[in-house]
Amino acid sequence: MSSSIGTCVLVLLAEKVSTEWRFTVGIFEYFCFTLGYMSLPGIAYFNRFNSWRLVYVCTSVPAICYSVLAYIFVTESPRWLLTQGRHQEAMAMLTG
């Protein structure tokens, strides 16, 4: 599931920034993805004497927080708005 979320995030980010920033935003997104995977051994090490359920909760809390923030702040894609015939909303999003 995380790979599909990462792809969606990359597409939405690429649509929201200008062409000169797309490469930098993509690199930053993959840097955060890699940093998350690199933190898993540390989380597991600090919870090595606890149940695997606690490790699962510790790794799920950031994903839940990210999902709540994404739901609040992420808007529809301008490309999707154009395909749905909502041209004024798409143009307002791109210009404002």
Protein backbone atom coordinates (compact mmCIF):
# COMPACT_ATOMS: atom_id res chain seq x y z
CA MET A 1 0.00 0.00 0.00
CA SER A 2 2.82 2.43 0.74
CA SER A 3 4.16 2.29 -2.81
CA SER A 4 0.80 3.35 -4.24
CA ILE A 5 0.57 6.21 -1.75
CA GLY A 6 4.08 7.32 -2.68
CA THR A 7 3.15 7.35 -6.36
CA CYS A 8 0.02 9.39 -5.69
CA VAL A 9 1.98 11.87 -3.57
CA LEU A 10 4.60 12.28 -6.28
CA VAL A 11 1.98 12.90 -8.97
CA LEU A 12 0.08 15.43 -6.85
CA LEU A 13 3.28 17.23 -5.92
CA ALA A 14 4.43 17.36 -9.53
CA GLU A 15 1.12 18.94 -10.58
CA LYS A 16 1.29 21.62 -7.88
CA VAL A 17 4.78 22.97 -8.58
CA SER A 18 6.33 24.55 -11.63
CA THR A 19 8.48 22.51 -14.00
CA GLU A 20 11.73 23.90 -12.59
CA TRP A 21 10.92 22.53 -9.11
CA ARG A 22 9.55 19.09 -10.09
CA PHE A 23 12.89 17.32 -9.89
CA THR A 24 13.73 18.83 -6.49
CA VAL A 25 10.29 18.01 -5.07
CA GLY A 26 10.53 14.44 -6.36
CA ILE A 27 13.95 13.96 -4.78
CA PHE A 28 12.70 15.38 -1.48
CA GLU A 29 9.68 13.06 -1.51
CA TYR A 30 11.87 9.99 -2.07
CA PHE A 31 14.32 11.22 0.57
CA CYS A 32 11.50 11.29 3.14
CA PHE A 33 10.35 7.84 1.99
CA THR A 34 13.87 6.44 2.43
CA LEU A 35 14.28 8.14 5.80
CA GLY A 36 11.08 6.46 6.97
CA TYR A 37 12.34 3.03 5.96
CA MET A 38 15.71 3.68 7.57
CA SER A 39 14.03 4.54 10.87
CA LEU A 40 12.32 1.14 11.14
CA PRO A 41 15.34 -0.76 12.53
CA GLY A 42 15.82 1.92 15.20
CA ILE A 43 12.18 1.73 16.24
CA ALA A 44 12.38 -2.05 16.38
CA TYR A 45 15.62 -1.90 18.41
CA PHE A 46 14.15 0.42 21.04
CA ASN A 47 11.08 -1.82 21.32
CA ARG A 48 12.99 -5.11 21.27
CA PHE A 49 11.77 -6.15 24.72
CA ASN A 50 8.14 -5.30 23.98
CA SER A 51 5.49 -7.09 22.01
CA TRP A 52 5.46 -6.93 18.21
CA ARG A 53 2.07 -5.24 18.58
CA LEU A 54 3.68 -2.20 20.20
CA VAL A 55 6.20 -2.00 17.35
CA TYR A 56 3.29 -2.12 14.92
CA VAL A 57 1.52 0.71 16.77
CA CYS A 58 4.72 2.80 16.90
CA THR A 59 5.16 2.51 13.15
CA SER A 60 1.47 3.09 12.40
CA VAL A 61 1.03 6.34 14.33
CA PRO A 62 3.05 8.48 11.86
CA ALA A 63 1.09 7.02 8.94
CA ILE A 64 -2.21 7.81 10.65
CA CYS A 65 -1.08 11.38 11.38
CA TYR A 66 0.05 11.76 7.76
CA SER A 67 -3.32 10.50 6.52
CA VAL A 68 -5.22 12.99 8.68
CA LEU A 69 -3.03 15.87 7.51
CA ALA A 70 -3.37 14.78 3.89
CA TYR A 71 -7.15 14.64 4.21
CA ILE A 72 -7.23 18.17 5.62
CA PHE A 73 -4.73 19.87 3.34
CA VAL A 74 -4.69 17.99 0.02
CA THR A 75 -7.02 19.31 -2.65
CA GLU A 76 -8.20 17.74 -5.87
CA SER A 77 -5.77 17.48 -8.71
CA PRO A 78 -6.13 20.25 -11.31
CA ARG A 79 -5.89 17.60 -14.01
CA TRP A 80 -8.76 15.65 -12.45
CA LEU A 81 -10.87 18.81 -12.20
CA LEU A 82 -10.29 19.47 -15.91
CA THR A 83 -11.34 15.95 -16.87
CA GLN A 84 -14.52 16.36 -14.83
CA GLY A 85 -15.39 19.59 -16.67
CA ARG A 86 -14.76 21.84 -13.68
CA HIS A 87 -12.58 24.29 -15.59
CA GLN A 88 -13.12 27.34 -13.37
CA GLU A 89 -12.09 25.47 -10.21
CA ALA A 90 -8.99 24.09 -11.91
CA MET A 91 -7.93 27.50 -13.18
CA ALA A 92 -8.58 29.09 -9.78
CA MET A 93 -6.40 26.44 -8.14
CA LEU A 94 -3.57 26.91 -10.63
CA THR A 95 -3.59 30.69 -10.50
CA GLY A 96 -4.23 31.17 -6.80
